[in-house]
């Protein structure tokens, strides 16, 4: 089992969660609860990985068995026991500078975007068309910053995405950030 890496971390209540692991390519994985009730069946990909997304985790404590070769001599089981909702949701990413987008920026000069996030997490910076601009890491104190060396005269629409593509993805937006008149 590769996700959850640590069951004690829990999951975000009432949100999707993707369980992931490794097994023999082409094999079938039966997903069952602790009482043996079938929940889903998936096939291991050619690269030896598998994944299954529960669309809404609700607020239950999950006890699941991921069984390869069920009922055969080669049966192998990965268990997820006591998987509970997070006691407190993970902090989301925020933008603290600009504090007020309407204040604008100085044309053709550098500007430092700043914010807060979860220490050690990656923030992907993209424009509104999902084009990657930069990737930064949240500092140990929970702050992050990124300096655009020349803002030009564009109207900026940026997404600051923590945990992009993962459960718990959080986005802070800066929209309509224009040069000062």
N, C-alpha and C. Protein backbone atom coordinates (compact mmCIF):
# COMPACT_ATOMS: atom_id res chain seq x y z
N UNK A 1 0.85 -1.17 0.00
CA UNK A 1 0.00 0.00 0.00
C UNK A 1 0.90 1.23 0.00
N UNK A 2 0.71 2.11 -0.98
CA UNK A 2 1.50 3.33 -1.03
C UNK A 2 0.70 4.56 -0.62
N UNK A 3 -0.64 4.49 -0.70
CA UNK A 3 -1.50 5.59 -0.27
C UNK A 3 -2.75 4.99 0.33
N UNK A 4 -3.04 5.19 1.60
CA UNK A 4 -2.35 6.10 2.51
C UNK A 4 -1.00 5.55 2.95
N UNK A 5 -0.01 6.42 2.98
CA UNK A 5 1.32 6.02 3.43
C UNK A 5 1.31 5.82 4.95
N UNK A 6 0.51 6.64 5.63
CA UNK A 6 0.38 6.54 7.08
C UNK A 6 -1.10 6.68 7.42
N UNK A 7 -1.73 5.58 7.83
CA UNK A 7 -3.16 5.58 8.14
C UNK A 7 -3.49 6.63 9.20
N UNK A 8 -2.58 6.89 10.11
CA UNK A 8 -2.82 7.86 11.19
C UNK A 8 -3.03 9.28 10.67
N UNK A 9 -2.58 9.57 9.45
CA UNK A 9 -2.79 10.90 8.88
C UNK A 9 -4.26 11.15 8.58
N UNK A 10 -5.04 10.08 8.40
CA UNK A 10 -6.46 10.22 8.12
C UNK A 10 -6.75 10.75 6.73
N UNK A 11 -8.00 11.09 6.52
CA UNK A 11 -8.45 11.59 5.22
C UNK A 11 -9.35 12.79 5.42
N UNK A 12 -9.58 13.53 4.35
CA UNK A 12 -10.47 14.69 4.39
C UNK A 12 -11.91 14.19 4.38
N UNK A 13 -12.70 14.52 5.40
CA UNK A 13 -14.07 14.04 5.46
C UNK A 13 -14.90 14.52 4.26
N UNK A 14 -15.83 13.68 3.85
CA UNK A 14 -16.79 14.00 2.79
C UNK A 14 -16.14 14.43 1.48
N UNK A 15 -14.98 13.86 1.19
CA UNK A 15 -14.25 14.18 -0.04
C UNK A 15 -13.75 12.87 -0.65
N UNK A 16 -13.31 12.90 -1.91
CA UNK A 16 -12.76 11.68 -2.51
C UNK A 16 -11.39 11.34 -1.92
N UNK A 17 -11.05 10.06 -1.98
CA UNK A 17 -9.72 9.62 -1.57
C UNK A 17 -9.31 8.50 -2.52
N UNK A 18 -8.05 8.55 -2.98
CA UNK A 18 -7.53 7.52 -3.87
C UNK A 18 -6.55 6.62 -3.12
N UNK A 19 -6.95 5.36 -2.99
CA UNK A 19 -6.07 4.35 -2.42
C UNK A 19 -5.14 3.89 -3.54
N UNK A 20 -3.88 3.66 -3.22
CA UNK A 20 -2.90 3.25 -4.23
C UNK A 20 -1.97 2.19 -3.66
N UNK A 21 -1.45 1.36 -4.56
CA UNK A 21 -0.51 0.35 -4.13
C UNK A 21 0.23 -0.26 -5.29
N UNK A 22 1.00 -1.30 -4.98
CA UNK A 22 1.76 -2.03 -6.01
C UNK A 22 1.43 -3.50 -5.89
N UNK A 23 1.39 -4.18 -7.03
CA UNK A 23 1.09 -5.61 -7.06
C UNK A 23 1.60 -6.16 -8.38
N UNK A 24 1.26 -7.41 -8.67
CA UNK A 24 1.70 -8.07 -9.89
C UNK A 24 0.90 -7.56 -11.09
N UNK A 25 1.57 -7.08 -12.14
CA UNK A 25 0.87 -6.55 -13.31
C UNK A 25 -0.17 -7.54 -13.85
N UNK A 26 -1.35 -6.99 -14.17
CA UNK A 26 -2.41 -7.78 -14.77
C UNK A 26 -3.28 -8.54 -13.78
N UNK A 27 -2.86 -8.61 -12.53
CA UNK A 27 -3.64 -9.35 -11.52
C UNK A 27 -4.87 -8.53 -11.10
N UNK A 28 -5.84 -9.24 -10.53
CA UNK A 28 -7.05 -8.60 -10.03
C UNK A 28 -6.90 -8.35 -8.54
N UNK A 29 -7.36 -7.18 -8.10
CA UNK A 29 -7.38 -6.84 -6.68
C UNK A 29 -8.86 -6.74 -6.28
N UNK A 30 -9.25 -7.53 -5.30
CA UNK A 30 -10.60 -7.44 -4.72
C UNK A 30 -10.52 -6.54 -3.51
N UNK A 31 -11.41 -5.55 -3.45
CA UNK A 31 -11.45 -4.64 -2.31
C UNK A 31 -12.68 -5.01 -1.49
N UNK A 32 -12.45 -5.30 -0.21
CA UNK A 32 -13.52 -5.73 0.68
C UNK A 32 -13.41 -5.00 2.02
N UNK A 33 -14.55 -4.91 2.71
CA UNK A 33 -14.47 -4.37 4.06
C UNK A 33 -14.02 -5.48 5.01
N UNK A 34 -13.86 -5.17 6.28
CA UNK A 34 -13.32 -6.15 7.23
C UNK A 34 -14.23 -7.36 7.42
N UNK A 35 -15.50 -7.24 7.01
CA UNK A 35 -16.45 -8.35 7.12
C UNK A 35 -16.50 -9.19 5.85
N UNK A 36 -15.64 -8.88 4.86
CA UNK A 36 -15.60 -9.63 3.62
C UNK A 36 -16.62 -9.21 2.59
N UNK A 37 -17.29 -8.06 2.81
CA UNK A 37 -18.25 -7.55 1.83
C UNK A 37 -17.50 -6.88 0.69
N UNK A 38 -17.78 -7.34 -0.55
CA UNK A 38 -17.10 -6.81 -1.73
C UNK A 38 -17.49 -5.34 -1.96
N UNK A 39 -16.49 -4.51 -2.21
CA UNK A 39 -16.72 -3.09 -2.48
C UNK A 39 -16.37 -2.77 -3.93
N UNK A 40 -15.27 -3.31 -4.41
CA UNK A 40 -14.85 -3.04 -5.80
C UNK A 40 -13.84 -4.09 -6.22
N UNK A 41 -13.63 -4.18 -7.53
CA UNK A 41 -12.61 -5.04 -8.12
C UNK A 41 -11.86 -4.20 -9.13
N UNK A 42 -10.54 -4.23 -9.06
CA UNK A 42 -9.71 -3.46 -9.98
C UNK A 42 -8.62 -4.36 -10.54
N UNK A 43 -7.97 -3.90 -11.63
CA UNK A 43 -6.87 -4.64 -12.24
C UNK A 43 -5.58 -3.86 -12.09
N UNK A 44 -4.51 -4.56 -11.77
CA UNK A 44 -3.20 -3.93 -11.62
C UNK A 44 -2.69 -3.53 -13.01
N UNK A 45 -2.19 -2.30 -13.11
CA UNK A 45 -1.67 -1.79 -14.39
C UNK A 45 -0.38 -2.50 -14.78
N UNK A 46 0.01 -2.33 -16.04
CA UNK A 46 1.22 -2.98 -16.56
C UNK A 46 2.48 -2.58 -15.80
N UNK A 47 2.48 -1.36 -15.21
CA UNK A 47 3.67 -0.91 -14.47
C UNK A 47 3.68 -1.42 -13.01
N UNK A 48 2.67 -2.25 -12.66
CA UNK A 48 2.63 -2.83 -11.33
C UNK A 48 1.94 -1.96 -10.29
N UNK A 49 1.31 -0.88 -10.71
CA UNK A 49 0.60 -0.01 -9.76
C UNK A 49 -0.90 -0.21 -9.91
N UNK A 50 -1.62 0.11 -8.87
CA UNK A 50 -3.08 0.09 -8.91
C UNK A 50 -3.60 1.28 -8.11
N UNK A 51 -4.82 1.68 -8.43
CA UNK A 51 -5.45 2.75 -7.66
C UNK A 51 -6.97 2.56 -7.69
N UNK A 52 -7.60 2.99 -6.64
CA UNK A 52 -9.05 2.97 -6.54
C UNK A 52 -9.48 4.19 -5.78
N UNK A 53 -10.42 4.96 -6.35
CA UNK A 53 -10.90 6.18 -5.72
C UNK A 53 -12.28 5.96 -5.13
N UNK A 54 -12.41 6.22 -3.87
CA UNK A 54 -13.71 6.26 -3.20
C UNK A 54 -14.19 7.69 -3.38
N UNK A 55 -15.31 7.86 -4.08
CA UNK A 55 -15.77 9.20 -4.47
C UNK A 55 -16.08 10.08 -3.26
N UNK A 56 -16.65 9.50 -2.21
CA UNK A 56 -16.95 10.27 -1.01
C UNK A 56 -16.64 9.38 0.19
N UNK A 57 -15.63 9.77 0.95
CA UNK A 57 -15.22 8.98 2.10
C UNK A 57 -16.17 9.10 3.28
N UNK A 58 -17.06 10.10 3.24
CA UNK A 58 -17.96 10.31 4.36
C UNK A 58 -17.17 10.63 5.61
N UNK A 59 -17.60 10.06 6.74
CA UNK A 59 -16.91 10.29 8.01
C UNK A 59 -16.68 8.98 8.76
N UNK A 60 -16.73 7.87 8.03
CA UNK A 60 -16.56 6.54 8.62
C UNK A 60 -15.11 6.25 8.98
N UNK A 61 -14.94 5.27 9.86
CA UNK A 61 -13.63 4.68 10.09
C UNK A 61 -13.56 3.48 9.16
N UNK A 62 -12.61 3.50 8.23
CA UNK A 62 -12.51 2.47 7.19
C UNK A 62 -11.55 1.37 7.60
N UNK A 63 -11.98 0.12 7.39
CA UNK A 63 -11.16 -1.07 7.59
C UNK A 63 -11.30 -1.88 6.30
N UNK A 64 -10.28 -1.83 5.46
CA UNK A 64 -10.37 -2.42 4.12
C UNK A 64 -9.26 -3.44 3.88
N UNK A 65 -9.59 -4.44 3.07
CA UNK A 65 -8.63 -5.43 2.61
C UNK A 65 -8.51 -5.32 1.10
N UNK A 66 -7.30 -5.24 0.60
CA UNK A 66 -7.01 -5.21 -0.83
C UNK A 66 -6.35 -6.56 -1.12
N UNK A 67 -7.09 -7.46 -1.80
CA UNK A 67 -6.68 -8.85 -1.92
C UNK A 67 -6.32 -9.21 -3.36
N UNK A 68 -5.07 -9.61 -3.58
CA UNK A 68 -4.64 -10.12 -4.88
C UNK A 68 -4.76 -11.63 -4.85
N UNK A 69 -5.27 -12.23 -5.95
CA UNK A 69 -5.41 -13.70 -6.08
C UNK A 69 -6.28 -14.27 -4.96
N UNK A 70 -7.43 -13.62 -4.71
CA UNK A 70 -8.32 -14.08 -3.64
C UNK A 70 -8.65 -15.56 -3.79
N UNK A 71 -8.49 -16.30 -2.69
CA UNK A 71 -8.85 -17.71 -2.64
C UNK A 71 -7.83 -18.64 -3.27
N UNK A 72 -6.72 -18.10 -3.75
CA UNK A 72 -5.69 -18.94 -4.37
C UNK A 72 -4.50 -19.09 -3.40
N UNK A 73 -3.66 -20.05 -3.69
CA UNK A 73 -2.48 -20.29 -2.86
C UNK A 73 -1.56 -19.06 -2.82
N UNK A 74 -1.63 -18.23 -3.88
CA UNK A 74 -0.77 -17.05 -3.98
C UNK A 74 -1.45 -15.79 -3.42
N UNK A 75 -2.57 -15.94 -2.70
CA UNK A 75 -3.30 -14.78 -2.17
C UNK A 75 -2.39 -13.89 -1.34
N UNK A 76 -2.49 -12.59 -1.59
CA UNK A 76 -1.74 -11.59 -0.83
C UNK A 76 -2.72 -10.48 -0.44
N UNK A 77 -2.61 -10.00 0.79
CA UNK A 77 -3.55 -9.00 1.30
C UNK A 77 -2.80 -7.79 1.85
N UNK A 78 -3.26 -6.60 1.43
CA UNK A 78 -2.81 -5.35 2.04
C UNK A 78 -4.02 -4.81 2.81
N UNK A 79 -3.80 -4.40 4.05
CA UNK A 79 -4.90 -3.94 4.89
C UNK A 79 -4.75 -2.46 5.21
N UNK A 80 -5.90 -1.80 5.27
CA UNK A 80 -5.98 -0.43 5.77
C UNK A 80 -6.95 -0.51 6.94
N UNK A 81 -6.43 -0.35 8.15
CA UNK A 81 -7.26 -0.50 9.35
C UNK A 81 -7.32 0.80 10.14
N UNK A 82 -8.51 1.16 10.59
CA UNK A 82 -8.67 2.35 11.43
C UNK A 82 -8.41 3.65 10.70
N UNK A 83 -8.78 3.71 9.41
CA UNK A 83 -8.55 4.92 8.60
C UNK A 83 -9.71 5.89 8.86
N UNK A 84 -9.41 6.95 9.62
CA UNK A 84 -10.43 7.89 10.09
C UNK A 84 -10.28 9.25 9.43
N UNK A 85 -11.35 10.07 9.53
CA UNK A 85 -11.24 11.45 9.04
C UNK A 85 -10.16 12.21 9.82
N UNK A 86 -9.57 13.20 9.18
CA UNK A 86 -8.62 14.08 9.86
C UNK A 86 -9.33 14.76 11.03
N UNK A 87 -8.64 14.87 12.13
CA UNK A 87 -9.21 15.58 13.28
C UNK A 87 -9.44 17.04 12.92
N UNK A 88 -8.51 17.60 12.17
CA UNK A 88 -8.64 18.97 11.70
C UNK A 88 -8.21 18.98 10.25
N UNK A 89 -8.97 19.63 9.38
CA UNK A 89 -8.57 19.67 7.98
C UNK A 89 -7.18 20.28 7.82
N UNK A 90 -6.44 19.79 6.86
CA UNK A 90 -5.11 20.33 6.57
C UNK A 90 -5.24 21.81 6.19
N UNK A 91 -4.27 22.63 6.60
CA UNK A 91 -4.34 24.04 6.23
C UNK A 91 -4.34 24.19 4.72
N UNK A 92 -5.09 25.16 4.25
CA UNK A 92 -5.12 25.42 2.83
C UNK A 92 -4.10 26.48 2.47
N UNK A 93 -3.85 26.61 1.20
CA UNK A 93 -2.92 27.63 0.73
C UNK A 93 -3.66 28.96 0.66
N UNK A 94 -2.96 30.03 1.03
CA UNK A 94 -3.53 31.37 0.95
C UNK A 94 -2.52 32.32 0.31
N UNK A 95 -3.02 33.43 -0.20
CA UNK A 95 -2.18 34.50 -0.74
C UNK A 95 -2.33 35.68 0.20
N UNK A 96 -1.21 36.18 0.75
CA UNK A 96 -1.25 37.34 1.64
C UNK A 96 -0.74 38.61 0.95
N UNK A 97 0.02 38.45 -0.14
CA UNK A 97 0.48 39.59 -0.93
C UNK A 97 0.33 39.24 -2.40
N UNK A 98 -0.53 39.92 -3.15
CA UNK A 98 -1.20 41.15 -2.79
C UNK A 98 -2.33 40.93 -1.80
N UNK A 99 -2.41 41.84 -0.81
CA UNK A 99 -3.49 41.77 0.17
C UNK A 99 -4.80 42.19 -0.49
N UNK A 100 -4.71 43.14 -1.41
CA UNK A 100 -5.88 43.61 -2.13
C UNK A 100 -5.51 43.72 -3.61
N UNK A 101 -6.06 42.82 -4.43
CA UNK A 101 -5.74 42.77 -5.86
C UNK A 101 -6.04 44.11 -6.53
N UNK A 102 -7.06 44.80 -6.06
CA UNK A 102 -7.46 46.08 -6.67
C UNK A 102 -6.38 47.15 -6.54
N UNK A 103 -5.44 46.99 -5.60
CA UNK A 103 -4.35 47.97 -5.46
C UNK A 103 -3.39 47.93 -6.64
N UNK A 104 -3.36 46.82 -7.37
CA UNK A 104 -2.50 46.70 -8.54
C UNK A 104 -1.03 46.59 -8.20
N UNK A 105 -0.22 46.65 -9.26
CA UNK A 105 1.23 46.53 -9.10
C UNK A 105 1.92 47.57 -9.97
N UNK A 106 3.22 47.79 -9.74
CA UNK A 106 4.01 48.72 -10.53
C UNK A 106 4.38 48.03 -11.85
N UNK A 107 3.98 48.65 -12.98
CA UNK A 107 4.26 48.07 -14.30
C UNK A 107 5.75 47.93 -14.54
N UNK A 108 6.12 46.88 -15.28
CA UNK A 108 7.50 46.64 -15.70
C UNK A 108 8.49 46.58 -14.54
N UNK A 109 8.03 46.08 -13.39
CA UNK A 109 8.90 45.96 -12.21
C UNK A 109 8.66 44.59 -11.59
N UNK A 110 9.56 44.17 -10.69
CA UNK A 110 9.34 42.89 -10.02
C UNK A 110 8.20 42.99 -9.00
N UNK A 111 7.61 41.85 -8.70
CA UNK A 111 6.58 41.78 -7.66
C UNK A 111 6.73 40.44 -6.94
N UNK A 112 6.65 40.48 -5.62
CA UNK A 112 6.76 39.25 -4.84
C UNK A 112 5.38 38.86 -4.31
N UNK A 113 4.91 37.71 -4.79
CA UNK A 113 3.68 37.12 -4.27
C UNK A 113 4.06 36.38 -3.00
N UNK A 114 3.20 36.45 -1.99
CA UNK A 114 3.47 35.78 -0.72
C UNK A 114 2.19 35.13 -0.21
N UNK A 115 2.38 34.12 0.63
CA UNK A 115 1.21 33.47 1.20
C UNK A 115 1.59 32.48 2.27
N UNK A 116 0.59 31.68 2.64
CA UNK A 116 0.77 30.65 3.66
C UNK A 116 0.29 29.32 3.12
N UNK A 117 0.87 28.25 3.65
CA UNK A 117 0.50 26.89 3.27
C UNK A 117 1.02 25.91 4.31
N UNK A 118 1.00 24.66 3.97
CA UNK A 118 1.47 23.62 4.88
C UNK A 118 2.98 23.46 4.72
N UNK A 119 3.75 23.58 5.80
CA UNK A 119 5.21 23.47 5.71
C UNK A 119 5.66 22.23 4.93
N UNK A 120 6.60 22.46 4.00
CA UNK A 120 7.17 21.38 3.21
C UNK A 120 6.38 21.00 1.97
N UNK A 121 5.16 21.50 1.85
CA UNK A 121 4.33 21.16 0.69
C UNK A 121 4.77 21.96 -0.53
N UNK A 122 4.45 21.41 -1.69
CA UNK A 122 4.77 22.07 -2.96
C UNK A 122 3.60 22.93 -3.40
N UNK A 123 3.91 24.11 -3.91
CA UNK A 123 2.91 25.00 -4.49
C UNK A 123 3.23 25.11 -5.98
N UNK A 124 2.27 24.74 -6.81
CA UNK A 124 2.41 24.91 -8.26
C UNK A 124 1.73 26.22 -8.62
N UNK A 125 2.44 27.06 -9.36
CA UNK A 125 1.88 28.34 -9.79
C UNK A 125 1.56 28.21 -11.27
N UNK A 126 0.29 28.46 -11.61
CA UNK A 126 -0.17 28.33 -12.99
C UNK A 126 -1.02 29.53 -13.36
N UNK A 127 -1.09 29.80 -14.68
CA UNK A 127 -2.01 30.84 -15.11
C UNK A 127 -3.41 30.24 -15.22
N UNK A 128 -4.40 31.06 -15.59
CA UNK A 128 -5.79 30.58 -15.62
C UNK A 128 -6.02 29.50 -16.67
N UNK A 129 -5.07 29.33 -17.60
CA UNK A 129 -5.17 28.27 -18.63
C UNK A 129 -4.40 27.02 -18.24
N UNK A 130 -4.03 26.91 -16.96
CA UNK A 130 -3.30 25.76 -16.42
C UNK A 130 -1.89 25.61 -16.95
N UNK A 131 -1.31 26.71 -17.45
CA UNK A 131 0.08 26.67 -17.91
C UNK A 131 0.99 26.89 -16.70
N UNK A 132 1.91 25.95 -16.48
CA UNK A 132 2.83 26.03 -15.34
C UNK A 132 3.77 27.21 -15.49
N UNK A 133 3.91 27.97 -14.41
CA UNK A 133 4.79 29.13 -14.39
C UNK A 133 5.97 28.89 -13.46
N UNK A 134 5.70 28.32 -12.29
CA UNK A 134 6.76 28.06 -11.31
C UNK A 134 6.28 27.03 -10.30
N UNK A 135 7.25 26.45 -9.60
CA UNK A 135 6.97 25.53 -8.50
C UNK A 135 7.84 25.96 -7.34
N UNK A 136 7.22 26.10 -6.17
CA UNK A 136 7.94 26.53 -4.97
C UNK A 136 7.57 25.60 -3.82
N UNK A 137 8.31 25.70 -2.72
CA UNK A 137 8.04 24.89 -1.53
C UNK A 137 7.70 25.80 -0.37
N UNK A 138 6.70 25.40 0.40
CA UNK A 138 6.33 26.16 1.60
C UNK A 138 7.43 25.98 2.64
N UNK A 139 7.87 27.11 3.22
CA UNK A 139 8.94 27.09 4.23
C UNK A 139 8.46 26.44 5.53
N UNK A 140 9.40 26.11 6.39
CA UNK A 140 9.09 25.45 7.67
C UNK A 140 8.15 26.29 8.54
N UNK A 141 8.17 27.62 8.37
CA UNK A 141 7.29 28.47 9.16
C UNK A 141 5.89 28.62 8.56
N UNK A 142 5.63 27.88 7.44
CA UNK A 142 4.31 27.92 6.83
C UNK A 142 4.10 29.05 5.83
N UNK A 143 5.17 29.77 5.49
CA UNK A 143 5.05 30.86 4.51
C UNK A 143 5.71 30.45 3.20
N UNK A 144 5.30 31.11 2.14
CA UNK A 144 5.92 30.91 0.83
C UNK A 144 6.00 32.26 0.14
N UNK A 145 6.91 32.37 -0.82
CA UNK A 145 7.00 33.59 -1.63
C UNK A 145 7.55 33.22 -3.00
N UNK A 146 7.16 34.02 -3.98
CA UNK A 146 7.63 33.85 -5.34
C UNK A 146 7.69 35.23 -5.98
N UNK A 147 8.84 35.56 -6.56
CA UNK A 147 9.02 36.86 -7.19
C UNK A 147 9.01 36.72 -8.69
N UNK A 148 8.13 37.46 -9.32
CA UNK A 148 8.10 37.58 -10.79
C UNK A 148 9.03 38.74 -11.08
N UNK A 149 10.12 38.50 -11.82
CA UNK A 149 11.16 39.53 -12.00
C UNK A 149 10.68 40.74 -12.79
N UNK A 150 9.71 40.56 -13.68
CA UNK A 150 9.15 41.70 -14.43
C UNK A 150 7.68 41.40 -14.69
N UNK A 151 6.83 42.17 -14.07
CA UNK A 151 5.38 41.95 -14.20
C UNK A 151 4.84 42.43 -15.55
N UNK A 152 5.66 43.21 -16.28
CA UNK A 152 5.18 43.73 -17.56
C UNK A 152 3.98 44.62 -17.34
N UNK A 153 3.01 44.52 -18.25
CA UNK A 153 1.79 45.33 -18.13
C UNK A 153 0.54 44.45 -18.26
N UNK A 154 0.71 43.17 -18.03
CA UNK A 154 -0.39 42.21 -18.17
C UNK A 154 -1.38 42.29 -17.02
N UNK A 155 -2.56 41.77 -17.26
CA UNK A 155 -3.52 41.50 -16.19
C UNK A 155 -3.28 40.05 -15.81
N UNK A 156 -2.89 39.82 -14.56
CA UNK A 156 -2.51 38.49 -14.10
C UNK A 156 -3.68 37.77 -13.45
N UNK A 157 -3.85 36.51 -13.85
CA UNK A 157 -4.82 35.59 -13.26
C UNK A 157 -4.04 34.33 -12.93
N UNK A 158 -3.73 34.15 -11.64
CA UNK A 158 -2.85 33.06 -11.22
C UNK A 158 -3.53 32.14 -10.22
N UNK A 159 -3.16 30.86 -10.29
CA UNK A 159 -3.60 29.86 -9.33
C UNK A 159 -2.37 29.37 -8.58
N UNK A 160 -2.44 29.39 -7.26
CA UNK A 160 -1.39 28.87 -6.39
C UNK A 160 -1.95 27.58 -5.80
N UNK A 161 -1.44 26.43 -6.28
CA UNK A 161 -2.04 25.13 -6.00
C UNK A 161 -1.13 24.29 -5.10
N UNK A 162 -1.64 23.99 -3.90
CA UNK A 162 -0.91 23.10 -2.99
C UNK A 162 -1.42 21.69 -3.21
N UNK A 163 -0.51 20.71 -3.29
CA UNK A 163 -0.86 19.30 -3.48
C UNK A 163 -1.63 19.07 -4.78
N UNK A 164 -1.16 19.66 -5.86
CA UNK A 164 -1.85 19.55 -7.14
C UNK A 164 -2.09 18.08 -7.52
N UNK A 165 -3.33 17.78 -7.85
CA UNK A 165 -3.70 16.46 -8.31
C UNK A 165 -3.83 15.42 -7.21
N UNK A 166 -3.71 15.85 -5.97
CA UNK A 166 -3.80 14.91 -4.86
C UNK A 166 -5.05 15.19 -4.03
N UNK A 167 -5.45 14.21 -3.24
CA UNK A 167 -6.52 14.44 -2.29
C UNK A 167 -6.08 15.57 -1.37
N UNK A 168 -6.95 16.50 -1.12
CA UNK A 168 -6.59 17.64 -0.29
C UNK A 168 -6.02 18.80 -1.07
N UNK A 169 -6.05 18.72 -2.42
CA UNK A 169 -5.57 19.83 -3.24
C UNK A 169 -6.28 21.11 -2.80
N UNK A 170 -5.51 22.17 -2.66
CA UNK A 170 -6.06 23.47 -2.26
C UNK A 170 -5.54 24.53 -3.22
N UNK A 171 -6.40 25.48 -3.56
CA UNK A 171 -6.05 26.51 -4.53
C UNK A 171 -6.36 27.89 -3.96
N UNK A 172 -5.42 28.81 -4.12
CA UNK A 172 -5.64 30.22 -3.84
C UNK A 172 -5.49 30.94 -5.18
N UNK A 173 -6.39 31.87 -5.45
CA UNK A 173 -6.37 32.55 -6.75
C UNK A 173 -6.06 34.03 -6.59
N UNK A 174 -5.36 34.55 -7.57
CA UNK A 174 -5.17 35.99 -7.73
C UNK A 174 -5.73 36.29 -9.11
N UNK A 175 -6.84 37.03 -9.16
CA UNK A 175 -7.50 37.29 -10.44
C UNK A 175 -7.62 38.78 -10.70
N UNK A 176 -7.37 39.16 -11.95
CA UNK A 176 -7.52 40.55 -12.37
C UNK A 176 -6.50 41.49 -11.75
N UNK A 177 -5.27 40.99 -11.54
CA UNK A 177 -4.19 41.79 -10.93
C UNK A 177 -3.55 42.62 -12.04
N UNK A 178 -3.82 43.93 -12.04
CA UNK A 178 -3.43 44.84 -13.13
C UNK A 178 -2.40 45.86 -12.64
N UNK A 179 -1.71 46.50 -13.60
CA UNK A 179 -0.80 47.57 -13.22
C UNK A 179 -1.58 48.75 -12.62
N UNK A 180 -0.93 49.45 -11.70
CA UNK A 180 -1.56 50.65 -11.15
C UNK A 180 -1.66 51.71 -12.23
N UNK A 181 -2.69 52.48 -12.15
CA UNK A 181 -2.90 53.55 -13.17
C UNK A 181 -1.94 54.68 -12.96
